[in-house]
Amino acid sequence: MPRDSSREFTPKVVTGNALIEGDVIYLTAADDWTRDLARAELLTDEATARLRLMMAEGQPDIVVGPYLAEVAQGADGPRPVHFREAFRSTGPSNYFHGKQAGGA
């Protein structure tokens, strides 16, 4: 299916889930992973975003299901644009722990 080249590329981050813990993780500019969206690498160029995603896809021993998530630049770094990503960034919802309990 051909891509619609008339759509402007919007900022993205590479995200997925940590293989062992299942936590939501984000790729940083230093080529490591963080659980803090504000530390994620903000990708503003489509070609770079695709390359960073391919790099993440080559790390199945670290990350499961990597994909590009749309974000906006916030005062403290990337911030979610869509409800799904905002929800994912708060941690698991099945019980009160982790980020939801104020832990790291």
N, C-alpha and C. Protein backbone atom coordinates (compact mmCIF):
# COMPACT_ATOMS: atom_id res chain seq x y z
N MET A 1 0.85 -1.18 0.00
CA MET A 1 0.00 0.00 0.00
C MET A 1 0.89 1.24 0.00
N PRO A 2 0.75 2.13 -0.96
CA PRO A 2 1.60 3.33 -1.01
C PRO A 2 1.30 4.28 0.14
N ARG A 3 2.35 4.91 0.62
CA ARG A 3 2.19 5.90 1.69
C ARG A 3 1.71 7.21 1.10
N ASP A 4 0.95 7.95 1.88
CA ASP A 4 0.48 9.27 1.48
C ASP A 4 1.61 10.26 1.78
N SER A 5 2.34 10.66 0.75
CA SER A 5 3.49 11.53 0.95
C SER A 5 3.09 12.98 1.25
N SER A 6 1.79 13.28 1.14
CA SER A 6 1.36 14.64 1.42
C SER A 6 1.18 14.91 2.92
N ARG A 7 1.14 13.85 3.72
CA ARG A 7 1.02 14.04 5.17
C ARG A 7 2.35 14.47 5.76
N GLU A 8 2.30 15.49 6.55
CA GLU A 8 3.50 15.99 7.21
C GLU A 8 3.89 15.02 8.34
N PHE A 9 5.18 14.75 8.46
CA PHE A 9 5.66 13.87 9.53
C PHE A 9 5.52 14.59 10.86
N THR A 10 4.96 13.91 11.83
CA THR A 10 4.81 14.48 13.17
C THR A 10 5.85 13.84 14.09
N PRO A 11 6.29 14.52 15.14
CA PRO A 11 7.32 13.98 16.03
C PRO A 11 6.90 12.63 16.61
N LYS A 12 7.91 11.76 16.78
CA LYS A 12 7.68 10.41 17.28
C LYS A 12 8.77 10.03 18.28
N VAL A 13 8.49 8.98 19.04
CA VAL A 13 9.48 8.29 19.85
C VAL A 13 9.37 6.81 19.53
N VAL A 14 10.45 6.07 19.74
CA VAL A 14 10.41 4.62 19.61
C VAL A 14 10.05 4.05 20.98
N THR A 15 9.02 3.23 21.01
CA THR A 15 8.57 2.64 22.26
C THR A 15 8.26 1.16 22.05
N GLY A 16 8.16 0.45 23.14
CA GLY A 16 7.80 -0.96 23.13
C GLY A 16 7.71 -1.40 24.58
N ASN A 17 7.84 -2.69 24.80
CA ASN A 17 7.81 -3.22 26.16
C ASN A 17 9.09 -3.97 26.46
N ALA A 18 9.58 -3.81 27.68
CA ALA A 18 10.78 -4.52 28.11
C ALA A 18 10.49 -6.02 28.09
N LEU A 19 11.39 -6.80 27.52
CA LEU A 19 11.20 -8.23 27.37
C LEU A 19 10.94 -8.93 28.70
N ILE A 20 11.74 -8.67 29.70
CA ILE A 20 11.64 -9.40 30.97
C ILE A 20 10.52 -8.88 31.85
N GLU A 21 10.50 -7.57 32.12
CA GLU A 21 9.52 -7.00 33.06
C GLU A 21 8.19 -6.64 32.42
N GLY A 22 8.18 -6.38 31.13
CA GLY A 22 6.96 -5.97 30.45
C GLY A 22 6.67 -4.49 30.53
N ASP A 23 7.52 -3.74 31.25
CA ASP A 23 7.31 -2.29 31.38
C ASP A 23 7.40 -1.60 30.02
N VAL A 24 6.69 -0.48 29.90
CA VAL A 24 6.81 0.36 28.72
C VAL A 24 8.18 1.01 28.76
N ILE A 25 8.90 0.94 27.64
CA ILE A 25 10.22 1.55 27.55
C ILE A 25 10.32 2.40 26.29
N TYR A 26 11.27 3.34 26.33
CA TYR A 26 11.47 4.29 25.24
C TYR A 26 12.96 4.33 24.88
N LEU A 27 13.25 4.45 23.59
CA LEU A 27 14.63 4.54 23.12
C LEU A 27 15.16 5.95 23.34
N THR A 28 16.39 6.04 23.85
CA THR A 28 17.02 7.35 24.07
C THR A 28 18.00 7.64 22.95
N ALA A 29 18.45 8.88 22.88
CA ALA A 29 19.45 9.28 21.88
C ALA A 29 20.79 8.59 22.12
N ALA A 30 21.02 8.08 23.34
CA ALA A 30 22.27 7.39 23.68
C ALA A 30 22.19 5.90 23.37
N ASP A 31 21.15 5.47 22.63
CA ASP A 31 20.96 4.07 22.24
C ASP A 31 20.70 3.14 23.41
N ASP A 32 20.14 3.67 24.50
CA ASP A 32 19.72 2.78 25.58
C ASP A 32 18.22 2.97 25.76
N TRP A 33 17.65 2.28 26.72
CA TRP A 33 16.21 2.31 26.95
C TRP A 33 15.90 2.92 28.31
N THR A 34 14.81 3.64 28.37
CA THR A 34 14.37 4.29 29.61
C THR A 34 12.89 4.03 29.81
N ARG A 35 12.47 4.08 31.05
CA ARG A 35 11.05 3.96 31.38
C ARG A 35 10.41 5.36 31.51
N ASP A 36 11.21 6.39 31.31
CA ASP A 36 10.79 7.78 31.46
C ASP A 36 10.61 8.42 30.08
N LEU A 37 9.38 8.66 29.69
CA LEU A 37 9.10 9.25 28.37
C LEU A 37 9.85 10.56 28.15
N ALA A 38 10.01 11.36 29.19
CA ALA A 38 10.69 12.65 29.06
C ALA A 38 12.15 12.49 28.61
N ARG A 39 12.74 11.31 28.82
CA ARG A 39 14.14 11.07 28.42
C ARG A 39 14.26 10.43 27.05
N ALA A 40 13.12 10.13 26.42
CA ALA A 40 13.13 9.48 25.10
C ALA A 40 13.66 10.43 24.03
N GLU A 41 14.25 9.84 23.01
CA GLU A 41 14.73 10.62 21.87
C GLU A 41 13.54 11.10 21.04
N LEU A 42 13.44 12.41 20.85
CA LEU A 42 12.38 13.00 20.03
C LEU A 42 12.83 12.95 18.57
N LEU A 43 12.08 12.25 17.75
CA LEU A 43 12.41 12.07 16.34
C LEU A 43 11.53 12.97 15.49
N THR A 44 12.16 13.89 14.78
CA THR A 44 11.40 14.86 13.98
C THR A 44 11.58 14.65 12.48
N ASP A 45 12.36 13.65 12.11
CA ASP A 45 12.64 13.35 10.71
C ASP A 45 12.19 11.91 10.43
N GLU A 46 11.39 11.71 9.39
CA GLU A 46 10.83 10.39 9.10
C GLU A 46 11.91 9.35 8.81
N ALA A 47 12.92 9.70 8.03
CA ALA A 47 13.97 8.74 7.70
C ALA A 47 14.73 8.30 8.96
N THR A 48 15.05 9.25 9.81
CA THR A 48 15.74 8.93 11.07
C THR A 48 14.85 8.07 11.95
N ALA A 49 13.57 8.40 12.01
CA ALA A 49 12.63 7.62 12.82
C ALA A 49 12.59 6.17 12.35
N ARG A 50 12.54 5.95 11.06
CA ARG A 50 12.51 4.58 10.53
C ARG A 50 13.80 3.83 10.86
N LEU A 51 14.93 4.52 10.76
CA LEU A 51 16.22 3.88 11.11
C LEU A 51 16.27 3.51 12.58
N ARG A 52 15.80 4.40 13.44
CA ARG A 52 15.80 4.13 14.89
C ARG A 52 14.86 2.97 15.21
N LEU A 53 13.73 2.90 14.52
CA LEU A 53 12.81 1.79 14.73
C LEU A 53 13.45 0.47 14.28
N MET A 54 14.13 0.47 13.15
CA MET A 54 14.82 -0.74 12.69
C MET A 54 15.88 -1.18 13.70
N MET A 55 16.58 -0.22 14.29
CA MET A 55 17.57 -0.55 15.31
C MET A 55 16.89 -1.24 16.49
N ALA A 56 15.75 -0.69 16.92
CA ALA A 56 15.01 -1.28 18.04
C ALA A 56 14.51 -2.68 17.69
N GLU A 57 14.04 -2.86 16.48
CA GLU A 57 13.55 -4.17 16.05
C GLU A 57 14.66 -5.21 16.05
N GLY A 58 15.90 -4.75 15.97
CA GLY A 58 17.05 -5.65 16.03
C GLY A 58 17.49 -5.99 17.44
N GLN A 59 16.70 -5.63 18.44
CA GLN A 59 17.03 -5.90 19.84
C GLN A 59 15.93 -6.74 20.52
N PRO A 60 15.60 -7.91 19.96
CA PRO A 60 14.52 -8.72 20.54
C PRO A 60 14.84 -9.26 21.93
N ASP A 61 16.10 -9.17 22.32
CA ASP A 61 16.49 -9.61 23.67
C ASP A 61 16.23 -8.53 24.72
N ILE A 62 15.79 -7.34 24.27
CA ILE A 62 15.54 -6.21 25.17
C ILE A 62 14.10 -5.73 25.07
N VAL A 63 13.61 -5.56 23.84
CA VAL A 63 12.32 -4.91 23.63
C VAL A 63 11.39 -5.79 22.79
N VAL A 64 10.11 -5.77 23.17
CA VAL A 64 9.07 -6.52 22.46
C VAL A 64 8.12 -5.52 21.80
N GLY A 65 7.83 -5.75 20.54
CA GLY A 65 6.84 -4.94 19.83
C GLY A 65 7.18 -3.48 19.67
N PRO A 66 8.41 -3.13 19.30
CA PRO A 66 8.72 -1.70 19.15
C PRO A 66 7.92 -1.05 18.03
N TYR A 67 7.57 0.19 18.23
CA TYR A 67 6.85 0.96 17.21
C TYR A 67 7.10 2.44 17.44
N LEU A 68 6.69 3.25 16.47
CA LEU A 68 6.80 4.70 16.57
C LEU A 68 5.51 5.25 17.14
N ALA A 69 5.62 6.01 18.21
CA ALA A 69 4.46 6.63 18.84
C ALA A 69 4.53 8.14 18.65
N GLU A 70 3.40 8.72 18.28
CA GLU A 70 3.34 10.16 18.08
C GLU A 70 3.40 10.88 19.42
N VAL A 71 4.22 11.93 19.46
CA VAL A 71 4.38 12.75 20.66
C VAL A 71 4.44 14.22 20.26
N ALA A 72 4.48 15.07 21.25
CA ALA A 72 4.71 16.49 21.04
C ALA A 72 5.85 16.91 21.96
N GLN A 73 6.55 17.95 21.59
CA GLN A 73 7.62 18.46 22.45
C GLN A 73 6.98 19.21 23.61
N GLY A 74 7.29 18.77 24.83
CA GLY A 74 6.81 19.45 26.02
C GLY A 74 7.96 20.20 26.68
N ALA A 75 7.66 20.91 27.72
CA ALA A 75 8.68 21.68 28.45
C ALA A 75 9.77 20.77 29.01
N ASP A 76 9.39 19.55 29.39
CA ASP A 76 10.35 18.62 30.00
C ASP A 76 10.72 17.45 29.10
N GLY A 77 10.47 17.58 27.80
CA GLY A 77 10.76 16.49 26.86
C GLY A 77 9.49 16.04 26.17
N PRO A 78 9.58 14.91 25.44
CA PRO A 78 8.39 14.44 24.73
C PRO A 78 7.22 14.18 25.68
N ARG A 79 6.02 14.42 25.17
CA ARG A 79 4.81 14.11 25.94
C ARG A 79 3.81 13.44 24.99
N PRO A 80 2.98 12.57 25.53
CA PRO A 80 2.02 11.84 24.68
C PRO A 80 1.02 12.78 24.01
N VAL A 81 0.60 12.41 22.83
CA VAL A 81 -0.42 13.15 22.11
C VAL A 81 -1.76 12.42 22.20
N HIS A 82 -1.71 11.10 22.16
CA HIS A 82 -2.92 10.28 22.16
C HIS A 82 -3.15 9.63 23.52
N PHE A 83 -4.41 9.35 23.82
CA PHE A 83 -4.78 8.73 25.09
C PHE A 83 -4.03 7.43 25.33
N ARG A 84 -3.92 6.59 24.31
CA ARG A 84 -3.27 5.29 24.47
C ARG A 84 -1.86 5.45 25.01
N GLU A 85 -1.11 6.37 24.45
CA GLU A 85 0.28 6.57 24.89
C GLU A 85 0.34 7.22 26.27
N ALA A 86 -0.58 8.10 26.56
CA ALA A 86 -0.63 8.69 27.91
C ALA A 86 -0.91 7.60 28.93
N PHE A 87 -1.83 6.71 28.61
CA PHE A 87 -2.19 5.60 29.49
C PHE A 87 -1.00 4.65 29.67
N ARG A 88 -0.33 4.30 28.58
CA ARG A 88 0.83 3.40 28.64
C ARG A 88 1.94 4.00 29.50
N SER A 89 2.12 5.31 29.43
CA SER A 89 3.23 5.94 30.14
C SER A 89 3.06 5.93 31.66
N THR A 90 1.85 5.63 32.14
CA THR A 90 1.62 5.60 33.59
C THR A 90 1.90 4.24 34.20
N GLY A 91 2.13 3.23 33.39
CA GLY A 91 2.43 1.90 33.91
C GLY A 91 1.21 1.00 33.94
N PRO A 92 1.37 -0.21 34.45
CA PRO A 92 0.27 -1.19 34.46
C PRO A 92 -0.95 -0.67 35.20
N SER A 93 -2.12 -1.05 34.72
CA SER A 93 -3.36 -0.57 35.34
C SER A 93 -4.07 -1.64 36.14
N ASN A 94 -3.51 -2.84 36.23
CA ASN A 94 -4.24 -3.92 36.89
C ASN A 94 -4.16 -3.86 38.41
N TYR A 95 -3.18 -3.15 38.96
CA TYR A 95 -3.14 -2.94 40.41
C TYR A 95 -2.22 -1.77 40.71
N PHE A 96 -2.36 -1.22 41.89
CA PHE A 96 -1.67 0.00 42.29
C PHE A 96 -0.22 -0.30 42.67
N HIS A 97 0.70 -0.02 41.75
CA HIS A 97 2.12 -0.22 42.00
C HIS A 97 2.92 0.56 40.96
N GLY A 98 4.22 0.44 41.04
CA GLY A 98 5.08 1.07 40.04
C GLY A 98 4.86 2.56 39.95
N LYS A 99 4.79 3.08 38.74
CA LYS A 99 4.66 4.51 38.50
C LYS A 99 3.37 5.07 39.13
N GLN A 100 2.30 4.25 39.15
CA GLN A 100 1.04 4.73 39.69
C GLN A 100 1.09 4.93 41.20
N ALA A 101 2.00 4.21 41.85
CA ALA A 101 2.12 4.32 43.31
C ALA A 101 3.20 5.34 43.69
N GLY A 102 3.75 6.01 42.69
CA GLY A 102 4.77 7.01 42.96
C GLY A 102 6.18 6.44 42.97
N GLY A 103 6.31 5.16 42.65
CA GLY A 103 7.63 4.53 42.58
C GLY A 103 8.26 4.77 41.23
N ALA A 104 9.50 4.37 41.08
CA ALA A 104 10.21 4.60 39.82
C ALA A 104 9.98 3.51 38.83
